[in-house]
């Protein structure tokens, strides 16, 4: 992999980690008071953050040849 892709992949990995932490934070918030409106908002936000995290993970996979099945 070229240095350019490695640099992008490293930055994406950092973003993916931040999104994972944010998702866990929102889940903890939703668990504190499961029947509240705030919990509903937190759970909905967690789902959006999880979707974004998965997209970032997919981008990392696409930029990392060793992880791509068609390159094996």
PDB file of N, CA and C in Angstrom:
ATOM      1  N   UNK A   1       0.859  -1.180   0.000  1.00  0.00           N
ATOM      2  CA  UNK A   1       0.000   0.000   0.000  1.00  0.00           C
ATOM      3  C   UNK A   1       0.904   1.241   0.000  1.00  0.00           C
ATOM      4  N   UNK A   2       0.479   2.244  -0.696  1.00  0.00           N
ATOM      5  CA  UNK A   2       1.278   3.458  -0.746  1.00  0.00           C
ATOM      6  C   UNK A   2       1.140   4.239   0.547  1.00  0.00           C
ATOM      7  N   UNK A   3       2.118   5.100   0.776  1.00  0.00           N
ATOM      8  CA  UNK A   3       2.076   5.936   1.980  1.00  0.00           C
ATOM      9  C   UNK A   3       0.826   6.791   2.027  1.00  0.00           C
ATOM     10  N   UNK A   4       0.363   7.231   0.873  1.00  0.00           N
ATOM     11  CA  UNK A   4      -0.838   8.062   0.828  1.00  0.00           C
ATOM     12  C   UNK A   4      -2.037   7.301   1.390  1.00  0.00           C
ATOM     13  N   UNK A   5      -2.234   6.069   0.961  1.00  0.00           N
ATOM     14  CA  UNK A   5      -3.343   5.263   1.463  1.00  0.00           C
ATOM     15  C   UNK A   5      -3.151   4.903   2.932  1.00  0.00           C
ATOM     16  N   UNK A   6      -1.919   4.631   3.315  1.00  0.00           N
ATOM     17  CA  UNK A   6      -1.654   4.313   4.721  1.00  0.00           C
ATOM     18  C   UNK A   6      -2.041   5.477   5.619  1.00  0.00           C
ATOM     19  N   UNK A   7      -1.705   6.676   5.191  1.00  0.00           N
ATOM     20  CA  UNK A   7      -2.035   7.863   5.972  1.00  0.00           C
ATOM     21  C   UNK A   7      -3.549   8.037   6.100  1.00  0.00           C
ATOM     22  N   UNK A   8      -4.243   7.854   4.995  1.00  0.00           N
ATOM     23  CA  UNK A   8      -5.702   7.974   5.017  1.00  0.00           C
ATOM     24  C   UNK A   8      -6.301   6.893   5.899  1.00  0.00           C
ATOM     25  N   UNK A   9      -5.805   5.679   5.765  1.00  0.00           N
ATOM     26  CA  UNK A   9      -6.309   4.558   6.565  1.00  0.00           C
ATOM     27  C   UNK A   9      -6.101   4.796   8.054  1.00  0.00           C
ATOM     28  N   UNK A  10      -4.953   5.343   8.414  1.00  0.00           N
ATOM     29  CA  UNK A  10      -4.684   5.639   9.830  1.00  0.00           C
ATOM     30  C   UNK A  10      -5.654   6.690  10.359  1.00  0.00           C
ATOM     31  N   UNK A  11      -5.905   7.716   9.571  1.00  0.00           N
ATOM     32  CA  UNK A  11      -6.854   8.756  10.005  1.00  0.00           C
ATOM     33  C   UNK A  11      -8.261   8.187  10.123  1.00  0.00           C
ATOM     34  N   UNK A  12      -8.642   7.368   9.144  1.00  0.00           N
ATOM     35  CA  UNK A  12      -9.967   6.740   9.204  1.00  0.00           C
ATOM     36  C   UNK A  12     -10.090   5.835  10.429  1.00  0.00           C
ATOM     37  N   UNK A  13      -9.025   5.122  10.753  1.00  0.00           N
ATOM     38  CA  UNK A  13      -9.051   4.247  11.937  1.00  0.00           C
ATOM     39  C   UNK A  13      -9.273   5.073  13.200  1.00  0.00           C
ATOM     40  N   UNK A  14      -8.671   6.252  13.270  1.00  0.00           N
ATOM     41  CA  UNK A  14      -8.882   7.139  14.418  1.00  0.00           C
ATOM     42  C   UNK A  14     -10.322   7.615  14.495  1.00  0.00           C
ATOM     43  N   UNK A  15     -10.882   7.960  13.354  1.00  0.00           N
ATOM     44  CA  UNK A  15     -12.285   8.390  13.312  1.00  0.00           C
ATOM     45  C   UNK A  15     -13.201   7.248  13.706  1.00  0.00           C
ATOM     46  N   UNK A  16     -12.904   6.049  13.211  1.00  0.00           N
ATOM     47  CA  UNK A  16     -13.713   4.872  13.539  1.00  0.00           C
ATOM     48  C   UNK A  16     -13.694   4.625  15.049  1.00  0.00           C
ATOM     49  N   UNK A  17     -12.538   4.787  15.659  1.00  0.00           N
ATOM     50  CA  UNK A  17     -12.426   4.598  17.109  1.00  0.00           C
ATOM     51  C   UNK A  17     -13.239   5.654  17.864  1.00  0.00           C
ATOM     52  N   UNK A  18     -13.174   6.902  17.409  1.00  0.00           N
ATOM     53  CA  UNK A  18     -13.964   7.964  18.041  1.00  0.00           C
ATOM     54  C   UNK A  18     -15.460   7.674  17.939  1.00  0.00           C
ATOM     55  N   UNK A  19     -15.885   7.208  16.777  1.00  0.00           N
ATOM     56  CA  UNK A  19     -17.304   6.880  16.597  1.00  0.00           C
ATOM     57  C   UNK A  19     -17.713   5.718  17.488  1.00  0.00           C
ATOM     58  N   UNK A  20     -16.844   4.728  17.643  1.00  0.00           N
ATOM     59  CA  UNK A  20     -17.136   3.600  18.527  1.00  0.00           C
ATOM     60  C   UNK A  20     -17.314   4.086  19.958  1.00  0.00           C
ATOM     61  N   UNK A  21     -16.416   4.955  20.407  1.00  0.00           N
ATOM     62  CA  UNK A  21     -16.521   5.501  21.767  1.00  0.00           C
ATOM     63  C   UNK A  21     -17.812   6.294  21.944  1.00  0.00           C
ATOM     64  N   UNK A  22     -18.171   7.085  20.949  1.00  0.00           N
ATOM     65  CA  UNK A  22     -19.397   7.866  21.015  1.00  0.00           C
ATOM     66  C   UNK A  22     -20.626   6.964  21.071  1.00  0.00           C
ATOM     67  N   UNK A  23     -20.603   5.893  20.286  1.00  0.00           N
ATOM     68  CA  UNK A  23     -21.729   4.949  20.300  1.00  0.00           C
ATOM     69  C   UNK A  23     -21.882   4.310  21.679  1.00  0.00           C
ATOM     70  N   UNK A  24     -20.766   3.904  22.288  1.00  0.00           N
ATOM     71  CA  UNK A  24     -20.840   3.318  23.633  1.00  0.00           C
ATOM     72  C   UNK A  24     -21.359   4.325  24.647  1.00  0.00           C
ATOM     73  N   UNK A  25     -20.925   5.569  24.498  1.00  0.00           N
ATOM     74  CA  UNK A  25     -21.401   6.627  25.395  1.00  0.00           C
ATOM     75  C   UNK A  25     -22.915   6.789  25.286  1.00  0.00           C
ATOM     76  N   UNK A  26     -23.416   6.796  24.064  1.00  0.00           N
ATOM     77  CA  UNK A  26     -24.853   6.948  23.859  1.00  0.00           C
ATOM     78  C   UNK A  26     -25.607   5.734  24.401  1.00  0.00           C
ATOM     79  N   UNK A  27     -25.051   4.528  24.246  1.00  0.00           N
ATOM     80  CA  UNK A  27     -25.701   3.334  24.803  1.00  0.00           C
ATOM     81  C   UNK A  27     -25.763   3.405  26.328  1.00  0.00           C
ATOM     82  N   UNK A  28     -24.680   3.853  26.943  1.00  0.00           N
ATOM     83  CA  UNK A  28     -24.677   3.988  28.408  1.00  0.00           C
ATOM     84  C   UNK A  28     -25.736   4.998  28.845  1.00  0.00           C
ATOM     85  N   UNK A  29     -25.850   6.083  28.102  1.00  0.00           N
ATOM     86  CA  UNK A  29     -26.850   7.100  28.429  1.00  0.00           C
ATOM     87  C   UNK A  29     -28.262   6.528  28.301  1.00  0.00           C
ATOM     88  N   UNK A  30     -28.490   5.751  27.263  1.00  0.00           N
ATOM     89  CA  UNK A  30     -29.808   5.145  27.067  1.00  0.00           C
ATOM     90  C   UNK A  30     -30.113   4.130  28.164  1.00  0.00           C
ATOM     91  N   UNK A  31     -29.098   3.453  28.670  1.00  0.00           N
ATOM     92  CA  UNK A  31     -29.301   2.434  29.703  1.00  0.00           C
ATOM     93  C   UNK A  31     -29.584   3.034  31.080  1.00  0.00           C
ATOM     94  N   UNK A  32     -29.176   4.268  31.294  1.00  0.00           N
ATOM     95  CA  UNK A  32     -29.393   4.908  32.603  1.00  0.00           C
ATOM     96  C   UNK A  32     -30.866   5.059  32.933  1.00  0.00           C
ATOM     97  N   UNK A  33     -31.664   5.407  31.960  1.00  0.00           N
ATOM     98  CA  UNK A  33     -33.103   5.592  32.166  1.00  0.00           C
ATOM     99  C   UNK A  33     -33.823   5.086  30.923  1.00  0.00           C
ATOM    100  N   UNK A  34     -33.967   3.768  30.796  1.00  0.00           N
ATOM    101  CA  UNK A  34     -34.459   3.169  29.553  1.00  0.00           C
ATOM    102  C   UNK A  34     -35.834   3.648  29.084  1.00  0.00           C
ATOM    103  N   UNK A  35     -36.665   4.099  29.974  1.00  0.00           N
ATOM    104  CA  UNK A  35     -38.024   4.485  29.579  1.00  0.00           C
ATOM    105  C   UNK A  35     -38.169   5.974  29.282  1.00  0.00           C
ATOM    106  N   UNK A  36     -37.067   6.716  29.297  1.00  0.00           N
ATOM    107  CA  UNK A  36     -37.158   8.175  29.116  1.00  0.00           C
ATOM    108  C   UNK A  36     -37.037   8.579  27.645  1.00  0.00           C
ATOM    109  N   UNK A  37     -37.461   9.808  27.377  1.00  0.00           N
ATOM    110  CA  UNK A  37     -37.319  10.362  26.028  1.00  0.00           C
ATOM    111  C   UNK A  37     -35.844  10.518  25.670  1.00  0.00           C
ATOM    112  N   UNK A  38     -35.032  10.876  26.637  1.00  0.00           N
ATOM    113  CA  UNK A  38     -33.592  11.019  26.404  1.00  0.00           C
ATOM    114  C   UNK A  38     -32.983   9.687  25.979  1.00  0.00           C
ATOM    115  N   UNK A  39     -33.452   8.603  26.573  1.00  0.00           N
ATOM    116  CA  UNK A  39     -32.957   7.279  26.190  1.00  0.00           C
ATOM    117  C   UNK A  39     -33.331   6.953  24.755  1.00  0.00           C
ATOM    118  N   UNK A  40     -34.524   7.335  24.352  1.00  0.00           N
ATOM    119  CA  UNK A  40     -34.945   7.112  22.965  1.00  0.00           C
ATOM    120  C   UNK A  40     -34.068   7.891  21.999  1.00  0.00           C
ATOM    121  N   UNK A  41     -33.793   9.156  22.340  1.00  0.00           N
ATOM    122  CA  UNK A  41     -32.927   9.976  21.491  1.00  0.00           C
ATOM    123  C   UNK A  41     -31.513   9.409  21.441  1.00  0.00           C
ATOM    124  N   UNK A  42     -31.017   8.971  22.593  1.00  0.00           N
ATOM    125  CA  UNK A  42     -29.668   8.402  22.657  1.00  0.00           C
ATOM    126  C   UNK A  42     -29.577   7.118  21.837  1.00  0.00           C
ATOM    127  N   UNK A  43     -30.598   6.295  21.919  1.00  0.00           N
ATOM    128  CA  UNK A  43     -30.598   5.041  21.155  1.00  0.00           C
ATOM    129  C   UNK A  43     -30.642   5.312  19.655  1.00  0.00           C
ATOM    130  N   UNK A  44     -31.434   6.300  19.247  1.00  0.00           N
ATOM    131  CA  UNK A  44     -31.508   6.654  17.828  1.00  0.00           C
ATOM    132  C   UNK A  44     -30.165   7.213  17.347  1.00  0.00           C
ATOM    133  N   UNK A  45     -29.552   8.047  18.172  1.00  0.00           N
ATOM    134  CA  UNK A  45     -28.255   8.607  17.803  1.00  0.00           C
ATOM    135  C   UNK A  45     -27.197   7.498  17.733  1.00  0.00           C
ATOM    136  N   UNK A  46     -27.256   6.557  18.655  1.00  0.00           N
ATOM    137  CA  UNK A  46     -26.304   5.440  18.641  1.00  0.00           C
ATOM    138  C   UNK A  46     -26.403   4.670  17.338  1.00  0.00           C
ATOM    139  N   UNK A  47     -27.610   4.470  16.850  1.00  0.00           N
ATOM    140  CA  UNK A  47     -27.799   3.745  15.590  1.00  0.00           C
ATOM    141  C   UNK A  47     -27.172   4.505  14.428  1.00  0.00           C
ATOM    142  N   UNK A  48     -27.332   5.829  14.400  1.00  0.00           N
ATOM    143  CA  UNK A  48     -26.716   6.643  13.334  1.00  0.00           C
ATOM    144  C   UNK A  48     -25.201   6.578  13.415  1.00  0.00           C
ATOM    145  N   UNK A  49     -24.674   6.687  14.634  1.00  0.00           N
ATOM    146  CA  UNK A  49     -23.225   6.641  14.829  1.00  0.00           C
ATOM    147  C   UNK A  49     -22.691   5.273  14.421  1.00  0.00           C
ATOM    148  N   UNK A  50     -23.404   4.215  14.770  1.00  0.00           N
ATOM    149  CA  UNK A  50     -22.986   2.862  14.390  1.00  0.00           C
ATOM    150  C   UNK A  50     -22.969   2.711  12.869  1.00  0.00           C
ATOM    151  N   UNK A  51     -23.952   3.261  12.200  1.00  0.00           N
ATOM    152  CA  UNK A  51     -23.994   3.205  10.736  1.00  0.00           C
ATOM    153  C   UNK A  51     -22.780   3.932  10.147  1.00  0.00           C
ATOM    154  N   UNK A  52     -22.451   5.086  10.688  1.00  0.00           N
ATOM    155  CA  UNK A  52     -21.285   5.837  10.211  1.00  0.00           C
ATOM    156  C   UNK A  52     -20.001   5.065  10.494  1.00  0.00           C
ATOM    157  N   UNK A  53     -19.908   4.451  11.666  1.00  0.00           N
ATOM    158  CA  UNK A  53     -18.714   3.676  12.020  1.00  0.00           C
ATOM    159  C   UNK A  53     -18.529   2.510  11.062  1.00  0.00           C
ATOM    160  N   UNK A  54     -19.620   1.837  10.729  1.00  0.00           N
ATOM    161  CA  UNK A  54     -19.534   0.720   9.785  1.00  0.00           C
ATOM    162  C   UNK A  54     -19.081   1.192   8.407  1.00  0.00           C
ATOM    163  N   UNK A  55     -19.546   2.359   7.988  1.00  0.00           N
ATOM    164  CA  UNK A  55     -19.127   2.899   6.692  1.00  0.00           C
ATOM    165  C   UNK A  55     -17.629   3.208   6.697  1.00  0.00           C
ATOM    166  N   UNK A  56     -17.139   3.757   7.790  1.00  0.00           N
ATOM    167  CA  UNK A  56     -15.706   4.040   7.910  1.00  0.00           C
ATOM    168  C   UNK A  56     -14.915   2.738   7.895  1.00  0.00           C
ATOM    169  N   UNK A  57     -15.387   1.725   8.611  1.00  0.00           N
ATOM    170  CA  UNK A  57     -14.709   0.425   8.623  1.00  0.00           C
ATOM    171  C   UNK A  57     -14.673  -0.172   7.217  1.00  0.00           C
ATOM    172  N   UNK A  58     -15.737   0.012   6.477  1.00  0.00           N
ATOM    173  CA  UNK A  58     -15.786  -0.486   5.093  1.00  0.00           C
ATOM    174  C   UNK A  58     -14.763   0.256   4.229  1.00  0.00           C
ATOM    175  N   UNK A  59     -14.633   1.558   4.429  1.00  0.00           N
ATOM    176  CA  UNK A  59     -13.648   2.337   3.680  1.00  0.00           C
ATOM    177  C   UNK A  59     -12.227   1.885   4.019  1.00  0.00           C
ATOM    178  N   UNK A  60     -11.971   1.625   5.279  1.00  0.00           N
ATOM    179  CA  UNK A  60     -10.657   1.130   5.694  1.00  0.00           C
ATOM    180  C   UNK A  60     -10.364  -0.191   5.002  1.00  0.00           C
ATOM    181  N   UNK A  61     -11.340  -1.060   4.997  1.00  0.00           N
ATOM    182  CA  UNK A  61     -11.186  -2.358   4.345  1.00  0.00           C
ATOM    183  C   UNK A  61     -10.903  -2.205   2.851  1.00  0.00           C
ATOM    184  N   UNK A  62     -11.584  -1.291   2.206  1.00  0.00           N
ATOM    185  CA  UNK A  62     -11.396  -1.075   0.773  1.00  0.00           C
ATOM    186  C   UNK A  62      -9.999  -0.534   0.467  1.00  0.00           C
ATOM    187  N   UNK A  63      -9.430   0.232   1.382  1.00  0.00           N
ATOM    188  CA  UNK A  63      -8.108   0.816   1.167  1.00  0.00           C
ATOM    189  C   UNK A  63      -6.966  -0.068   1.634  1.00  0.00           C
ATOM    190  N   UNK A  64      -7.284  -1.169   2.292  1.00  0.00           N
ATOM    191  CA  UNK A  64      -6.267  -2.061   2.819  1.00  0.00           C
ATOM    192  C   UNK A  64      -6.276  -3.355   2.006  1.00  0.00           C
ATOM    193  N   UNK A  65      -5.382  -3.479   1.025  1.00  0.00           N
ATOM    194  CA  UNK A  65      -5.395  -4.646   0.143  1.00  0.00           C
ATOM    195  C   UNK A  65      -5.319  -5.981   0.872  1.00  0.00           C
ATOM    196  N   UNK A  66      -4.576  -6.065   1.951  1.00  0.00           N
ATOM    197  CA  UNK A  66      -4.455  -7.339   2.651  1.00  0.00           C
ATOM    198  C   UNK A  66      -5.752  -7.805   3.262  1.00  0.00           C
ATOM    199  N   UNK A  67      -6.730  -6.904   3.427  1.00  0.00           N
ATOM    200  CA  UNK A  67      -8.008  -7.250   4.019  1.00  0.00           C
ATOM    201  C   UNK A  67      -9.044  -7.538   2.944  1.00  0.00           C
ATOM    202  N   UNK A  68      -8.760  -7.244   1.679  1.00  0.00           N
ATOM    203  CA  UNK A  68      -9.727  -7.421   0.598  1.00  0.00           C
ATOM    204  C   UNK A  68      -9.648  -8.846   0.071  1.00  0.00           C
ATOM    205  N   UNK A  69     -10.792  -9.494  -0.022  1.00  0.00           N
ATOM    206  CA  UNK A  69     -10.818 -10.895  -0.439  1.00  0.00           C
ATOM    207  C   UNK A  69     -10.436 -11.076  -1.895  1.00  0.00           C
ATOM    208  N   UNK A  70     -10.748 -10.100  -2.777  1.00  0.00           N
ATOM    209  CA  UNK A  70     -10.428 -10.273  -4.193  1.00  0.00           C
ATOM    210  C   UNK A  70      -8.936 -10.173  -4.459  1.00  0.00           C
ATOM    211  N   UNK A  71      -8.165  -9.659  -3.512  1.00  0.00           N
ATOM    212  CA  UNK A  71      -6.718  -9.551  -3.669  1.00  0.00           C
ATOM    213  C   UNK A  71      -5.985 -10.780  -3.151  1.00  0.00           C
ATOM    214  N   UNK A  72      -6.693 -11.692  -2.537  1.00  0.00           N
ATOM    215  CA  UNK A  72      -6.065 -12.871  -1.951  1.00  0.00           C
ATOM    216  C   UNK A  72      -5.849 -13.935  -2.986  1.00  0.00           C
TER     217      UNK A  72
END
